[in-house]
Amino acid sequence: MNTLRINLPYVIFLGDIQDSMLAKTGLGLVKWSKDQVVGQLRLPGCKVDLGVADLTLQSAVAQGAKSLVLGVATVGGSISDAWLPVLVQALENGLDIVNGLHTDLNKIPALAAAKAKGGSQIVNVRGAHQALPVGTGRKRQGMRILTVGTDCAVGKKYTALAMAQCLKANGIAATFRATGQTGIMIAGEGLAVDSVISDFVSGAAELISPDNDSGHWDVVEGQGSLFNPSFSAVSMGLLHGSQPDALILCHDAARLKVSTCPTYAIPTLQECMDLHLRCAKIVNPSARFIGVSINTSSLPAAERKAYLDQLQQELGLPCVDPLVEGCQLFVEQLQQQKTAGM
């Protein structure tokens, strides 16, 4: 696997974005690595706020920042020309740039020149990978949990991080396996599977979750969705390559339409679970769901419990918001199913 070295701490750059959905990288870093965040840097007109201090480049450097992280995930991975002056200035002042977008910043002449002038580096998290194998479908030792979703940006990364944390708190060996740029920045290692040629995604997933001790759980961060026509390919590759023993379905309570294809409605949660199981059982006939993770941030507080209780009654599985209730019910369900011969 690719292991990255990021110089810490960092300031998060948001550019001039208008939609908080584009800031999932920055939001994830503040949530899971806040002790390494000195603040945010926003251009005029930016409507997204991570809830940390607003800084200039000069004040970020004065507070000890070593890197500027692009905290946005734009559609298609492009960068705006309006960002270039700030990025050039950051590199010239010795700040590294940590880039999770598909665009290779080293290929932009102005940034390459600024990097050389400042003695800094550009870390492309989605950079070129080593030669990757195709998937083999071989059953590997150890056990695996995969988070899957009804759509993109519904909590797959957050759920995987929270689940790995909860397993460890219960004395169960577990490792968070990062498959996206933000997860890699948090974990310090991983492989951005959405930059892998499609034929090799399942092989990459096998590398991410290799053989391990029989009692160890790899918690694999899911990507995309089988129900999102824009990004379903990476979801299927991860599903087959990670060969999960357990799955957690992730959903945003406010999401009615597929984010990138608004003419497509989000199917019912049961339909989502059924399709994922059909596909998962191709490589692991014993695959099971252990719960449903719901982002309830859009629901009025008075309606949360009734909503989750109704879902739990319909689906027969724990339904919780991991950022509110935690993942203990998922861990208990996992242990119950394992005892029953999962």
Protein backbone atom coordinates (compact mmCIF):
# COMPACT_ATOMS: atom_id res chain seq x y z
CA MET A 1 0.00 0.00 0.00
CA ASN A 2 0.98 3.63 -0.45
CA THR A 3 2.01 5.19 2.85
CA LEU A 4 2.12 8.97 2.83
CA ARG A 5 4.16 11.31 4.96
CA ILE A 6 2.34 14.54 5.68
CA ASN A 7 4.09 17.35 7.52
CA LEU A 8 1.94 18.41 10.47
CA PRO A 9 0.10 20.50 11.54
CA TYR A 10 -1.87 21.95 8.64
CA VAL A 11 -4.21 24.72 7.60
CA ILE A 12 -7.27 23.69 5.57
CA PHE A 13 -7.91 25.56 2.33
CA LEU A 14 -11.56 25.90 1.25
CA GLY A 15 -11.16 28.25 -1.69
CA ASP A 16 -14.43 29.91 -2.66
CA ILE A 17 -16.77 26.90 -2.47
CA GLN A 18 -20.48 27.45 -1.85
CA ASP A 19 -21.70 23.96 -0.87
CA SER A 20 -20.73 22.15 2.33
CA MET A 21 -21.03 18.81 0.50
CA LEU A 22 -17.85 19.79 -1.36
CA ALA A 23 -16.02 20.27 1.94
CA LYS A 24 -16.17 16.67 3.16
CA THR A 25 -12.37 16.47 3.27
CA GLY A 26 -12.07 19.52 5.49
CA LEU A 27 -15.00 18.50 7.66
CA GLY A 28 -13.55 15.02 8.10
CA LEU A 29 -10.15 16.34 9.14
CA VAL A 30 -11.69 18.70 11.70
CA LYS A 31 -13.81 15.88 13.12
CA TRP A 32 -11.10 13.20 13.36
CA SER A 33 -7.77 15.12 13.42
CA LYS A 34 -8.66 18.46 14.98
CA ASP A 35 -5.48 18.55 17.06
CA GLN A 36 -3.51 18.84 13.80
CA VAL A 37 -5.65 21.66 12.34
CA VAL A 38 -4.45 25.21 13.03
CA GLY A 39 -7.35 26.79 11.14
CA GLN A 40 -9.03 27.36 7.79
CA LEU A 41 -8.19 29.60 4.86
CA ARG A 42 -11.14 30.90 2.82
CA LEU A 43 -11.30 33.14 -0.22
CA PRO A 44 -13.85 35.99 -0.41
CA GLY A 45 -17.32 34.62 -1.13
CA CYS A 46 -16.73 31.20 0.42
CA LYS A 47 -19.96 30.12 2.15
CA VAL A 48 -18.59 27.07 3.99
CA ASP A 49 -17.28 27.28 7.55
CA LEU A 50 -15.54 24.37 9.31
CA GLY A 51 -15.93 25.98 12.71
CA VAL A 52 -12.21 26.63 13.20
CA ALA A 53 -10.20 29.85 13.16
CA ASP A 54 -10.02 31.86 9.93
CA LEU A 55 -6.39 32.47 9.06
CA THR A 56 -4.30 34.11 6.39
CA LEU A 57 -1.26 32.33 4.99
CA GLN A 58 0.96 34.53 7.11
CA SER A 59 -0.91 33.81 10.34
CA ALA A 60 -1.05 30.09 9.54
CA VAL A 61 2.72 29.98 9.13
CA ALA A 62 3.14 32.02 12.33
CA GLN A 63 1.03 29.42 14.18
CA GLY A 64 3.29 26.63 12.99
CA ALA A 65 1.43 25.20 9.97
CA LYS A 66 3.65 22.97 7.84
CA SER A 67 1.13 22.03 5.16
CA LEU A 68 -1.87 23.49 3.37
CA VAL A 69 -4.48 20.80 2.79
CA LEU A 70 -7.01 21.22 0.00
CA GLY A 71 -10.11 20.59 2.08
CA VAL A 72 -12.49 20.34 -0.86
CA ALA A 73 -13.63 17.49 -3.09
CA THR A 74 -14.82 19.09 -6.32
CA VAL A 75 -16.80 17.13 -8.91
CA GLY A 76 -14.24 15.75 -11.36
CA GLY A 77 -11.34 16.76 -9.10
CA SER A 78 -10.55 20.05 -10.83
CA ILE A 79 -9.17 23.21 -9.23
CA SER A 80 -10.23 26.78 -9.85
CA ASP A 81 -7.89 29.35 -11.44
CA ALA A 82 -8.90 31.67 -8.60
CA TRP A 83 -7.09 29.38 -6.16
CA LEU A 84 -3.71 29.49 -7.89
CA PRO A 85 -2.32 32.72 -6.37
CA VAL A 86 -2.87 31.37 -2.85
CA LEU A 87 -1.38 27.98 -3.69
CA VAL A 88 1.66 29.61 -5.30
CA GLN A 89 2.17 31.84 -2.27
CA ALA A 90 1.84 28.88 0.09
CA LEU A 91 4.53 26.88 -1.72
CA GLU A 92 6.84 29.87 -1.99
CA ASN A 93 6.53 30.36 1.77
CA GLY A 94 7.61 26.77 2.44
CA LEU A 95 4.22 25.20 3.07
CA ASP A 96 3.62 21.79 1.54
CA ILE A 97 0.37 21.33 -0.34
CA VAL A 98 -1.57 18.13 0.38
CA ASN A 99 -3.86 17.47 -2.55
CA GLY A 100 -6.64 14.91 -2.54
CA LEU A 101 -8.09 15.88 -5.93
CA HIS A 102 -7.56 13.98 -9.17
CA THR A 103 -5.63 16.89 -10.70
CA ASP A 104 -1.85 16.41 -10.38
CA LEU A 105 -0.70 19.79 -9.10
CA ASN A 106 2.91 19.02 -10.02
CA LYS A 107 1.88 19.38 -13.67
CA ILE A 108 0.80 23.00 -13.25
CA PRO A 109 3.89 25.07 -14.21
CA ALA A 110 3.26 27.92 -11.76
CA LEU A 111 2.98 25.49 -8.85
CA ALA A 112 6.02 23.48 -9.91
CA ALA A 113 8.08 26.68 -10.02
CA ALA A 114 6.74 27.84 -6.64
CA LYS A 115 7.57 24.47 -5.10
CA ALA A 116 11.15 24.71 -6.29
CA LYS A 117 11.47 28.28 -5.02
CA GLY A 118 10.12 27.48 -1.55
CA GLY A 119 11.76 24.09 -1.08
CA SER A 120 8.34 22.62 -0.37
CA GLN A 121 6.52 19.59 -1.74
CA ILE A 122 3.20 18.71 -3.32
CA VAL A 123 1.70 15.52 -1.90
CA ASN A 124 -0.82 14.09 -4.37
CA VAL A 125 -2.83 11.63 -2.27
CA ARG A 126 -4.33 10.27 -5.48
CA GLY A 127 -0.90 10.02 -7.07
CA ALA A 128 0.37 7.23 -9.28
CA HIS A 129 0.09 3.80 -7.67
CA GLN A 130 2.49 0.92 -7.81
CA ALA A 131 1.57 -1.85 -10.20
CA LEU A 132 -1.68 -3.33 -8.91
CA PRO A 133 -2.97 -6.86 -9.43
CA VAL A 134 -6.40 -7.88 -10.57
CA GLY A 135 -8.59 -9.38 -7.87
CA THR A 136 -8.22 -13.07 -7.17
CA GLY A 137 -11.32 -13.70 -5.06
CA ARG A 138 -9.17 -15.76 -2.70
CA LYS A 139 -10.60 -16.04 0.80
CA ARG A 140 -8.22 -14.25 3.16
CA GLN A 141 -7.63 -14.89 6.85
CA GLY A 142 -9.09 -12.36 9.25
CA MET A 143 -12.47 -10.64 9.07
CA ARG A 144 -13.73 -7.54 7.31
CA ILE A 145 -16.45 -4.93 7.68
CA LEU A 146 -17.35 -2.70 4.72
CA THR A 147 -19.44 0.45 4.92
CA VAL A 148 -21.74 0.86 1.90
CA GLY A 149 -24.15 3.63 1.02
CA THR A 150 -27.41 4.64 -0.56
CA ASP A 151 -25.46 7.46 -2.23
CA CYS A 152 -22.18 9.35 -2.06
CA ALA A 153 -21.37 11.48 1.00
CA VAL A 154 -23.78 9.76 3.39
CA GLY A 155 -21.33 8.85 6.16
CA LYS A 156 -19.35 5.80 5.02
CA LYS A 157 -16.00 7.18 6.17
CA TYR A 158 -17.32 8.53 9.48
CA THR A 159 -19.07 5.24 10.20
CA ALA A 160 -15.96 3.19 9.44
CA LEU A 161 -13.81 5.40 11.67
CA ALA A 162 -16.35 5.29 14.50
CA MET A 163 -16.77 1.51 14.14
CA ALA A 164 -13.03 0.84 14.26
CA GLN A 165 -12.78 3.07 17.32
CA CYS A 166 -15.66 1.26 19.05
CA LEU A 167 -14.28 -2.21 18.30
CA LYS A 168 -10.98 -1.23 19.91
CA ALA A 169 -12.82 0.20 22.92
CA ASN A 170 -14.43 -3.25 23.32
CA GLY A 171 -11.04 -4.95 23.30
CA ILE A 172 -11.45 -6.25 19.74
CA ALA A 173 -8.51 -5.96 17.35
CA ALA A 174 -9.46 -3.64 14.49
CA THR A 175 -7.87 -1.42 11.84
CA PHE A 176 -9.46 1.35 9.83
CA ARG A 177 -8.59 0.82 6.15
CA ALA A 178 -8.68 4.07 4.18
CA THR A 179 -9.80 4.05 0.56
CA GLY A 180 -10.31 7.77 -0.06
CA GLN A 181 -8.25 10.93 0.18
CA THR A 182 -9.62 12.16 3.51
CA GLY A 183 -9.39 8.75 5.15
CA ILE A 184 -5.77 8.47 4.02
CA MET A 185 -4.97 11.89 5.49
CA ILE A 186 -6.51 10.80 8.80
CA ALA A 187 -5.01 7.29 8.92
CA GLY A 188 -1.65 8.18 7.38
CA GLU A 189 -1.86 5.32 4.90
CA GLY A 190 -4.21 3.68 2.46
CA LEU A 191 -5.01 3.69 -1.23
CA ALA A 192 -7.38 6.02 -3.08
CA VAL A 193 -9.35 3.45 -5.02
CA ASP A 194 -11.25 5.97 -7.14
CA SER A 195 -7.98 6.77 -8.92
CA VAL A 196 -7.31 3.11 -9.75
CA ILE A 197 -8.00 1.79 -13.26
CA SER A 198 -11.30 -0.05 -13.02
CA ASP A 199 -9.88 -3.49 -13.82
CA PHE A 200 -7.68 -3.29 -10.71
CA VAL A 201 -10.08 -1.90 -8.08
CA SER A 202 -10.89 -5.30 -6.58
CA GLY A 203 -7.18 -6.16 -6.51
CA ALA A 204 -6.47 -2.87 -4.76
CA ALA A 205 -9.15 -3.67 -2.18
CA GLU A 206 -7.47 -7.02 -1.54
CA LEU A 207 -4.17 -5.20 -0.90
CA ILE A 208 -5.88 -2.75 1.46
CA SER A 209 -7.27 -5.59 3.61
CA PRO A 210 -4.67 -8.40 3.48
CA ASP A 211 -4.50 -11.64 5.48
CA ASN A 212 -4.58 -10.98 9.20
CA ASP A 213 -5.09 -12.74 12.53
CA SER A 214 -8.30 -14.73 12.72
CA GLY A 215 -9.78 -12.46 15.43
CA HIS A 216 -8.86 -9.20 13.70
CA TRP A 217 -11.38 -6.95 11.94
CA ASP A 218 -10.44 -4.68 9.05
CA VAL A 219 -12.99 -1.87 8.81
CA VAL A 220 -12.92 -0.83 5.16
CA GLU A 221 -14.05 2.65 4.20
CA GLY A 222 -16.65 2.43 1.43
CA GLN A 223 -16.81 4.67 -1.65
CA GLY A 224 -19.60 5.79 -3.95
CA SER A 225 -22.79 3.73 -4.16
CA LEU A 226 -24.17 0.93 -6.29
CA PHE A 227 -27.19 3.21 -6.75
CA ASN A 228 -25.24 6.24 -7.99
CA PRO A 229 -24.72 5.92 -11.77
CA SER A 230 -21.75 8.30 -11.58
CA PHE A 231 -19.65 6.27 -9.13
CA SER A 232 -21.05 2.74 -8.94
CA ALA A 233 -18.00 1.11 -10.53
CA VAL A 234 -15.69 1.81 -7.59
CA SER A 235 -18.39 0.60 -5.18
CA MET A 236 -18.66 -2.80 -6.86
CA GLY A 237 -14.89 -3.22 -7.03
CA LEU A 238 -14.57 -2.48 -3.31
CA LEU A 239 -17.44 -4.80 -2.46
CA HIS A 240 -15.88 -7.77 -4.26
CA GLY A 241 -12.27 -7.00 -3.34
CA SER A 242 -12.84 -6.41 0.37
CA GLN A 243 -14.91 -9.62 0.56
CA PRO A 244 -16.78 -8.39 3.64
CA ASP A 245 -18.06 -10.65 6.37
CA ALA A 246 -20.19 -7.78 7.68
CA LEU A 247 -21.70 -4.70 6.07
CA ILE A 248 -23.11 -1.46 7.47
CA LEU A 249 -25.52 0.49 5.27
CA CYS A 250 -25.09 4.28 5.44
CA HIS A 251 -27.82 6.80 4.60
CA ASP A 252 -28.59 10.49 4.98
CA ALA A 253 -32.10 10.96 6.37
CA ALA A 254 -32.62 14.06 4.21
CA ARG A 255 -31.46 12.51 0.93
CA LEU A 256 -34.30 11.77 -1.48
CA LYS A 257 -32.45 11.96 -4.81
CA VAL A 258 -29.06 10.68 -5.95
CA SER A 259 -26.64 13.56 -5.39
CA THR A 260 -25.04 13.68 -8.85
CA CYS A 261 -28.08 12.37 -10.78
CA PRO A 262 -31.12 14.18 -9.37
CA THR A 263 -33.58 12.43 -11.69
CA TYR A 264 -32.83 9.19 -9.79
CA ALA A 265 -34.66 8.58 -6.51
CA ILE A 266 -32.91 6.92 -3.57
CA PRO A 267 -34.34 3.36 -3.27
CA THR A 268 -35.71 2.05 0.00
CA LEU A 269 -33.14 0.93 2.54
CA GLN A 270 -34.33 -2.65 2.23
CA GLU A 271 -33.79 -2.54 -1.54
CA CYS A 272 -30.29 -1.19 -0.97
CA MET A 273 -29.49 -3.94 1.51
CA ASP A 274 -30.87 -6.66 -0.74
CA LEU A 275 -28.77 -5.64 -3.75
CA HIS A 276 -25.60 -5.26 -1.70
CA LEU A 277 -26.07 -8.70 -0.19
CA ARG A 278 -26.68 -10.30 -3.58
CA CYS A 279 -23.42 -8.81 -4.85
CA ALA A 280 -21.43 -9.48 -1.66
CA LYS A 281 -22.43 -13.13 -1.53
CA ILE A 282 -20.74 -13.72 -4.89
CA VAL A 283 -17.39 -13.59 -3.04
CA ASN A 284 -18.54 -14.35 0.51
CA PRO A 285 -21.72 -16.42 0.90
CA SER A 286 -21.83 -15.69 4.63
CA ALA A 287 -21.89 -11.89 4.27
CA ARG A 288 -24.45 -10.20 6.55
CA PHE A 289 -25.63 -6.71 7.46
CA ILE A 290 -25.06 -5.76 11.08
CA GLY A 291 -26.75 -2.37 11.12
CA VAL A 292 -27.76 0.86 9.43
CA SER A 293 -25.90 4.12 9.98
CA ILE A 294 -28.10 7.18 9.59
CA ASN A 295 -26.93 10.78 9.30
CA THR A 296 -29.74 12.43 11.28
CA SER A 297 -28.27 15.94 11.39
CA SER A 298 -31.16 17.26 9.27
CA LEU A 299 -33.89 15.90 11.57
CA PRO A 300 -35.46 17.92 14.38
CA ALA A 301 -34.27 16.58 17.72
CA ALA A 302 -37.83 15.63 18.71
CA GLU A 303 -38.19 13.38 15.64
CA ARG A 304 -34.87 11.50 15.75
CA LYS A 305 -35.78 8.68 18.09
CA ALA A 306 -39.11 7.88 16.42
CA TYR A 307 -37.45 7.87 12.99
CA LEU A 308 -34.67 5.50 14.10
CA ASP A 309 -37.05 3.26 16.06
CA GLN A 310 -39.32 2.88 13.04
CA LEU A 311 -36.40 1.98 10.78
CA GLN A 312 -35.12 -0.53 13.30
CA GLN A 313 -38.54 -2.18 13.48
CA GLU A 314 -38.79 -2.35 9.68
CA LEU A 315 -35.28 -3.69 9.06
CA GLY A 316 -34.70 -5.79 12.17
CA LEU A 317 -31.24 -4.31 12.71
CA PRO A 318 -29.74 -1.57 14.88
CA CYS A 319 -30.28 1.85 13.28
CA VAL A 320 -28.20 4.63 14.84
CA ASP A 321 -26.34 7.82 14.07
CA PRO A 322 -22.74 6.92 15.01
CA LEU A 323 -21.90 10.54 15.77
CA VAL A 324 -24.73 10.66 18.33
CA GLU A 325 -25.28 7.14 19.71
CA GLY A 326 -21.90 5.64 18.80
CA CYS A 327 -21.44 2.15 17.31
CA GLN A 328 -21.89 -0.05 20.38
CA LEU A 329 -25.11 -1.57 19.04
CA PHE A 330 -23.30 -2.51 15.82
CA VAL A 331 -20.54 -4.21 17.81
CA GLU A 332 -23.09 -6.15 19.85
CA GLN A 333 -24.92 -7.22 16.68
CA LEU A 334 -21.62 -8.31 15.17
CA GLN A 335 -20.80 -10.42 18.20
CA GLN A 336 -24.28 -11.96 18.24
CA GLN A 337 -24.09 -12.93 14.58
CA LYS A 338 -20.56 -14.27 14.99
CA THR A 339 -21.70 -16.43 17.92
CA ALA A 340 -24.57 -17.69 15.79
CA GLY A 341 -22.13 -18.91 13.15
CA MET A 342 -21.72 -15.90 10.88
